[in-house]
Every structure is written in C-alpha cells, then in structure tokens.
Amino acid sequence: MLRRLGVSLLIGLSGQAAPAGSPALGQPVTAEDLSRLAISVFPDGAGLPPGRGTATDGQALFQTKCAGCHGLRGSGGSADELAGGAHGLRGEPPDKTVGTYWPYATTLFDYIRRAMPADAPRSLSDDEVYALTAYVLSLNGIVDSAASLDAPTLTKVTMPNRDGFIRIDAR
C-alpha cells in the first residue's frame, strides 16, 4: 500500500495521470506552485527577496500581528520569548531569545516569512517581514530602534551568538 501511494505521489508531482487503481490523491504541481515554495533564506543572505522595512513600522505590525502570542515587547506571552532574557544561555533554565540564541539575522527573517503569524503563515509581505525582523532585532538591542533593513543591510547584522554554533553544511 505504501509503495503504491509513493508511486502515486511521484506520478502526481510529475503531472502525469495516476495509474488505474491508485488513490488519485492531490493534483499536479506546476512550476508556479514550486516557485512559491522556493523561499529559503540562507545564513549568507542567499534567497533574500527585494524589499525594505523599518523597526518603527515593525513595531506597529508587531502590536497587531504578534503581541497576542509573544507579549507587547517580545516576552510575557504564551509563545516563545523573543526578547528580554534575564540571564542568557548560561542561566538555569537558559533564556533562548533571538538575541541570546539565534546565530544569524537572516534565519529570523526566514522563520518569520515562512511561519508567522502562526494563524496565517506566509501572509506577510516581504516588506512586512523586513520590518518585523528589524523590530525584533531592535528589541534585543542588536540594531537601533530606527533601523531600516533590506537584503544588503540584513546580511551585515552580526548576532551575539553567531559563533555559538558549529556550521556543518557544505554550502
């Protein structure tokens, strides 16, 4: 059964008709469908889209789209703490905020773009993602509260824990 399902999925992805007796699940994937899924942003900034956003604009967006889960200033909500860690990674328990844990600012952009807000992932424009990234970085004291970010400036942001991870990919 699993083998048949796997073959059906592969055939469905290739755009060919499913063989007789298959469950006929899904629909063919178009080039446009695939391009909408190709949104990965890498630590070096490869994959960052055009756009720009300011921390000031990000603050307004955060209040309407993020504060319900993350708290008014990135802490105190029901979701993970984004800012305001009292003792960083060396305390018990460790404070894993964006400022203490995340090694690359581009990873923050990628995560917000792909997964936030939790009730409507992929609903933010690229400009909104740059603005929210700038605001969250400003909450952590990594960029100025008046910062403006785009692809070139975001890749220049050095995160406090940049050297806290060992990179193992061959890219």
C-alpha atoms as a PDB file:
ATOM      1  CA  MET A   1       0.000   0.000   0.000  1.00  0.00           C
ATOM      2  CA  LEU A   2       2.733   2.489   0.951  1.00  0.00           C
ATOM      3  CA  ARG A   3       4.695   1.691  -2.193  1.00  0.00           C
ATOM      4  CA  ARG A   4       1.596   2.290  -4.318  1.00  0.00           C
ATOM      5  CA  LEU A   5       0.932   5.591  -2.514  1.00  0.00           C
ATOM      6  CA  GLY A   6       4.546   6.682  -3.057  1.00  0.00           C
ATOM      7  CA  VAL A   7       4.329   5.881  -6.770  1.00  0.00           C
ATOM      8  CA  SER A   8       1.025   7.763  -6.979  1.00  0.00           C
ATOM      9  CA  LEU A   9       2.540  10.811  -5.302  1.00  0.00           C
ATOM     10  CA  LEU A  10       5.541  10.778  -7.627  1.00  0.00           C
ATOM     11  CA  ILE A  11       3.302  10.474 -10.649  1.00  0.00           C
ATOM     12  CA  GLY A  12       1.101  13.276  -9.298  1.00  0.00           C
ATOM     13  CA  LEU A  13       4.131  15.528  -8.908  1.00  0.00           C
ATOM     14  CA  SER A  14       5.245  14.759 -12.435  1.00  0.00           C
ATOM     15  CA  GLY A  15       1.938  15.944 -13.867  1.00  0.00           C
ATOM     16  CA  GLN A  16       1.066  12.556 -15.395  1.00  0.00           C
ATOM     17  CA  ALA A  17      -2.234  10.797 -14.853  1.00  0.00           C
ATOM     18  CA  ALA A  18      -2.339   8.388 -11.916  1.00  0.00           C
ATOM     19  CA  PRO A  19      -2.385   4.697 -12.822  1.00  0.00           C
ATOM     20  CA  ALA A  20      -5.632   2.764 -12.586  1.00  0.00           C
ATOM     21  CA  GLY A  21      -6.374   1.627  -9.067  1.00  0.00           C
ATOM     22  CA  SER A  22      -4.329   4.347  -7.369  1.00  0.00           C
ATOM     23  CA  PRO A  23      -5.987   6.564  -4.760  1.00  0.00           C
ATOM     24  CA  ALA A  24      -5.725   9.589  -7.149  1.00  0.00           C
ATOM     25  CA  LEU A  25      -4.717  11.967  -4.384  1.00  0.00           C
ATOM     26  CA  GLY A  26      -3.639  15.563  -4.933  1.00  0.00           C
ATOM     27  CA  GLN A  27      -3.073  17.414  -8.159  1.00  0.00           C
ATOM     28  CA  PRO A  28      -0.149  18.070 -10.462  1.00  0.00           C
ATOM     29  CA  VAL A  29       2.386  20.626  -9.213  1.00  0.00           C
ATOM     30  CA  THR A  30       3.061  23.484 -11.620  1.00  0.00           C
ATOM     31  CA  ALA A  31       6.261  25.491 -11.980  1.00  0.00           C
ATOM     32  CA  GLU A  32       4.409  28.408 -10.355  1.00  0.00           C
ATOM     33  CA  ASP A  33       3.493  26.196  -7.378  1.00  0.00           C
ATOM     34  CA  LEU A  34       7.140  25.231  -6.945  1.00  0.00           C
ATOM     35  CA  SER A  35       8.366  28.828  -7.208  1.00  0.00           C
ATOM     36  CA  ARG A  36       6.026  29.830  -4.343  1.00  0.00           C
ATOM     37  CA  LEU A  37       7.626  27.121  -2.208  1.00  0.00           C
ATOM     38  CA  ALA A  38      11.219  28.125  -3.017  1.00  0.00           C
ATOM     39  CA  ILE A  39      11.546  30.731  -0.281  1.00  0.00           C
ATOM     40  CA  SER A  40      14.546  29.514   1.705  1.00  0.00           C
ATOM     41  CA  VAL A  41      16.912  32.167   3.003  1.00  0.00           C
ATOM     42  CA  PHE A  42      20.401  31.003   3.919  1.00  0.00           C
ATOM     43  CA  PRO A  43      22.765  32.379   6.596  1.00  0.00           C
ATOM     44  CA  ASP A  44      24.793  34.270   3.977  1.00  0.00           C
ATOM     45  CA  GLY A  45      21.636  36.010   2.737  1.00  0.00           C
ATOM     46  CA  ALA A  46      21.186  33.955  -0.425  1.00  0.00           C
ATOM     47  CA  GLY A  47      17.463  33.855  -1.144  1.00  0.00           C
ATOM     48  CA  LEU A  48      16.592  37.180   0.494  1.00  0.00           C
ATOM     49  CA  PRO A  49      13.931  38.923  -1.586  1.00  0.00           C
ATOM     50  CA  PRO A  50      13.811  42.587  -2.579  1.00  0.00           C
ATOM     51  CA  GLY A  51      12.137  44.821  -0.035  1.00  0.00           C
ATOM     52  CA  ARG A  52      12.777  47.075   2.938  1.00  0.00           C
ATOM     53  CA  GLY A  53      11.313  47.628   6.373  1.00  0.00           C
ATOM     54  CA  THR A  54      11.960  49.777   9.414  1.00  0.00           C
ATOM     55  CA  ALA A  55      11.883  48.865  13.082  1.00  0.00           C
ATOM     56  CA  THR A  56       9.320  51.647  13.569  1.00  0.00           C
ATOM     57  CA  ASP A  57       6.966  50.056  11.037  1.00  0.00           C
ATOM     58  CA  GLY A  58       7.747  46.681  12.557  1.00  0.00           C
ATOM     59  CA  GLN A  59       6.659  47.870  15.993  1.00  0.00           C
ATOM     60  CA  ALA A  60       3.174  48.747  14.700  1.00  0.00           C
ATOM     61  CA  LEU A  61       2.928  45.400  12.873  1.00  0.00           C
ATOM     62  CA  PHE A  62       4.136  43.535  15.951  1.00  0.00           C
ATOM     63  CA  GLN A  63       1.393  45.056  18.100  1.00  0.00           C
ATOM     64  CA  THR A  64      -1.334  43.899  15.693  1.00  0.00           C
ATOM     65  CA  LYS A  65       0.063  40.568  14.442  1.00  0.00           C
ATOM     66  CA  CYS A  66       2.484  39.243  17.086  1.00  0.00           C
ATOM     67  CA  ALA A  67       1.886  40.691  20.552  1.00  0.00           C
ATOM     68  CA  GLY A  68      -1.129  38.452  21.202  1.00  0.00           C
ATOM     69  CA  CYS A  69       1.223  35.454  21.375  1.00  0.00           C
ATOM     70  CA  HIS A  70       4.651  36.989  22.108  1.00  0.00           C
ATOM     71  CA  GLY A  71       3.693  39.794  24.514  1.00  0.00           C
ATOM     72  CA  LEU A  72       3.865  43.538  23.930  1.00  0.00           C
ATOM     73  CA  ARG A  73       7.672  43.677  23.826  1.00  0.00           C
ATOM     74  CA  GLY A  74       8.543  40.133  22.799  1.00  0.00           C
ATOM     75  CA  SER A  75       8.109  38.457  26.182  1.00  0.00           C
ATOM     76  CA  GLY A  76       5.349  37.525  28.559  1.00  0.00           C
ATOM     77  CA  GLY A  77       3.045  35.931  26.015  1.00  0.00           C
ATOM     78  CA  SER A  78       2.038  32.327  25.526  1.00  0.00           C
ATOM     79  CA  ALA A  79       4.578  31.783  22.708  1.00  0.00           C
ATOM     80  CA  ASP A  80       8.360  31.659  22.868  1.00  0.00           C
ATOM     81  CA  GLU A  81      10.163  34.636  24.339  1.00  0.00           C
ATOM     82  CA  LEU A  82      11.744  36.740  21.598  1.00  0.00           C
ATOM     83  CA  ALA A  83      13.471  39.350  23.761  1.00  0.00           C
ATOM     84  CA  GLY A  84      14.112  40.256  27.372  1.00  0.00           C
ATOM     85  CA  GLY A  85      16.011  37.211  28.533  1.00  0.00           C
ATOM     86  CA  ALA A  86      17.202  37.863  32.074  1.00  0.00           C
ATOM     87  CA  HIS A  87      20.304  35.658  32.042  1.00  0.00           C
ATOM     88  CA  GLY A  88      21.023  34.387  28.538  1.00  0.00           C
ATOM     89  CA  LEU A  89      22.077  30.862  27.693  1.00  0.00           C
ATOM     90  CA  ARG A  90      24.230  30.236  30.768  1.00  0.00           C
ATOM     91  CA  GLY A  91      21.399  30.518  33.304  1.00  0.00           C
ATOM     92  CA  GLU A  92      19.055  27.794  34.530  1.00  0.00           C
ATOM     93  CA  PRO A  93      16.936  27.392  32.549  1.00  0.00           C
ATOM     94  CA  PRO A  94      18.661  29.027  29.562  1.00  0.00           C
ATOM     95  CA  ASP A  95      16.915  32.086  28.085  1.00  0.00           C
ATOM     96  CA  LYS A  96      16.709  31.271  24.388  1.00  0.00           C
ATOM     97  CA  THR A  97      15.710  34.612  22.915  1.00  0.00           C
ATOM     98  CA  VAL A  98      16.539  35.914  19.456  1.00  0.00           C
ATOM     99  CA  GLY A  99      19.344  37.962  20.973  1.00  0.00           C
ATOM    100  CA  THR A 100      20.899  35.211  23.047  1.00  0.00           C
ATOM    101  CA  TYR A 101      20.437  32.169  20.864  1.00  0.00           C
ATOM    102  CA  TRP A 102      19.925  32.803  17.145  1.00  0.00           C
ATOM    103  CA  PRO A 103      23.201  32.846  15.177  1.00  0.00           C
ATOM    104  CA  TYR A 104      22.028  34.682  12.020  1.00  0.00           C
ATOM    105  CA  ALA A 105      19.619  37.562  11.464  1.00  0.00           C
ATOM    106  CA  THR A 106      18.756  36.047   8.089  1.00  0.00           C
ATOM    107  CA  THR A 107      17.397  32.972   9.897  1.00  0.00           C
ATOM    108  CA  LEU A 108      14.996  35.226  11.801  1.00  0.00           C
ATOM    109  CA  PHE A 109      13.799  36.694   8.501  1.00  0.00           C
ATOM    110  CA  ASP A 110      13.356  33.203   7.035  1.00  0.00           C
ATOM    111  CA  TYR A 111      11.377  31.979  10.055  1.00  0.00           C
ATOM    112  CA  ILE A 112       9.046  34.988  10.208  1.00  0.00           C
ATOM    113  CA  ARG A 113       8.452  34.832   6.456  1.00  0.00           C
ATOM    114  CA  ARG A 114       7.718  31.107   6.408  1.00  0.00           C
ATOM    115  CA  ALA A 115       5.852  30.532   9.676  1.00  0.00           C
ATOM    116  CA  MET A 116       4.408  33.718  11.163  1.00  0.00           C
ATOM    117  CA  PRO A 117       1.899  34.700  12.252  1.00  0.00           C
ATOM    118  CA  ALA A 118       1.048  31.216  13.467  1.00  0.00           C
ATOM    119  CA  ASP A 119      -2.595  31.566  12.467  1.00  0.00           C
ATOM    120  CA  ALA A 120      -1.737  32.823   8.963  1.00  0.00           C
ATOM    121  CA  PRO A 121       1.755  31.688   7.857  1.00  0.00           C
ATOM    122  CA  ARG A 122       3.091  33.191   4.599  1.00  0.00           C
ATOM    123  CA  SER A 123       0.566  36.036   4.830  1.00  0.00           C
ATOM    124  CA  LEU A 124       3.120  38.820   5.373  1.00  0.00           C
ATOM    125  CA  SER A 125       4.641  40.808   2.532  1.00  0.00           C
ATOM    126  CA  ASP A 126       8.421  40.852   2.209  1.00  0.00           C
ATOM    127  CA  ASP A 127       8.453  44.493   3.376  1.00  0.00           C
ATOM    128  CA  GLU A 128       6.466  43.490   6.482  1.00  0.00           C
ATOM    129  CA  VAL A 129       8.915  40.659   7.197  1.00  0.00           C
ATOM    130  CA  TYR A 130      11.878  43.056   6.933  1.00  0.00           C
ATOM    131  CA  ALA A 131      10.060  45.467   9.291  1.00  0.00           C
ATOM    132  CA  LEU A 132       9.248  42.768  11.852  1.00  0.00           C
ATOM    133  CA  THR A 133      12.805  41.450  11.662  1.00  0.00           C
ATOM    134  CA  ALA A 134      14.135  44.961  12.303  1.00  0.00           C
ATOM    135  CA  TYR A 135      11.795  45.426  15.255  1.00  0.00           C
ATOM    136  CA  VAL A 136      12.618  42.088  16.904  1.00  0.00           C
ATOM    137  CA  LEU A 137      16.334  42.782  16.438  1.00  0.00           C
ATOM    138  CA  SER A 138      15.841  46.239  17.985  1.00  0.00           C
ATOM    139  CA  LEU A 139      14.019  44.723  20.976  1.00  0.00           C
ATOM    140  CA  ASN A 140      17.177  42.691  21.556  1.00  0.00           C
ATOM    141  CA  GLY A 141      19.470  45.729  21.235  1.00  0.00           C
ATOM    142  CA  ILE A 142      21.094  44.332  18.081  1.00  0.00           C
ATOM    143  CA  VAL A 143      20.005  47.147  15.760  1.00  0.00           C
ATOM    144  CA  ASP A 144      18.874  50.685  16.522  1.00  0.00           C
ATOM    145  CA  SER A 145      15.160  51.327  17.104  1.00  0.00           C
ATOM    146  CA  ALA A 146      15.169  53.452  13.935  1.00  0.00           C
ATOM    147  CA  ALA A 147      16.941  50.811  11.820  1.00  0.00           C
ATOM    148  CA  SER A 148      15.905  50.114   8.256  1.00  0.00           C
ATOM    149  CA  LEU A 149      16.686  46.678   6.837  1.00  0.00           C
ATOM    150  CA  ASP A 150      16.893  45.236   3.352  1.00  0.00           C
ATOM    151  CA  ALA A 151      18.878  42.338   1.886  1.00  0.00           C
ATOM    152  CA  PRO A 152      22.304  44.077   1.952  1.00  0.00           C
ATOM    153  CA  THR A 153      21.909  45.517   5.466  1.00  0.00           C
ATOM    154  CA  LEU A 154      20.369  42.381   6.986  1.00  0.00           C
ATOM    155  CA  THR A 155      23.328  40.240   5.938  1.00  0.00           C
ATOM    156  CA  LYS A 156      25.663  42.661   7.737  1.00  0.00           C
ATOM    157  CA  VAL A 157      23.934  42.235  11.100  1.00  0.00           C
ATOM    158  CA  THR A 158      26.170  40.297  13.488  1.00  0.00           C
ATOM    159  CA  MET A 159      24.212  38.336  16.042  1.00  0.00           C
ATOM    160  CA  PRO A 160      25.654  37.997  19.569  1.00  0.00           C
ATOM    161  CA  ASN A 161      25.633  34.182  19.363  1.00  0.00           C
ATOM    162  CA  ARG A 162      26.972  33.937  15.809  1.00  0.00           C
ATOM    163  CA  ASP A 163      29.942  31.852  16.929  1.00  0.00           C
ATOM    164  CA  GLY A 164      27.910  29.736  19.341  1.00  0.00           C
ATOM    165  CA  PHE A 165      27.074  27.104  16.723  1.00  0.00           C
ATOM    166  CA  ILE A 166      29.221  24.839  14.593  1.00  0.00           C
ATOM    167  CA  ARG A 167      28.308  25.009  10.928  1.00  0.00           C
ATOM    168  CA  ILE A 168      28.263  21.582   9.301  1.00  0.00           C
ATOM    169  CA  ASP A 169      26.742  22.170   5.884  1.00  0.00           C
ATOM    170  CA  ALA A 170      28.969  22.118   2.813  1.00  0.00           C
ATOM    171  CA  ARG A 171      27.275  25.065   1.119  1.00  0.00           C
END
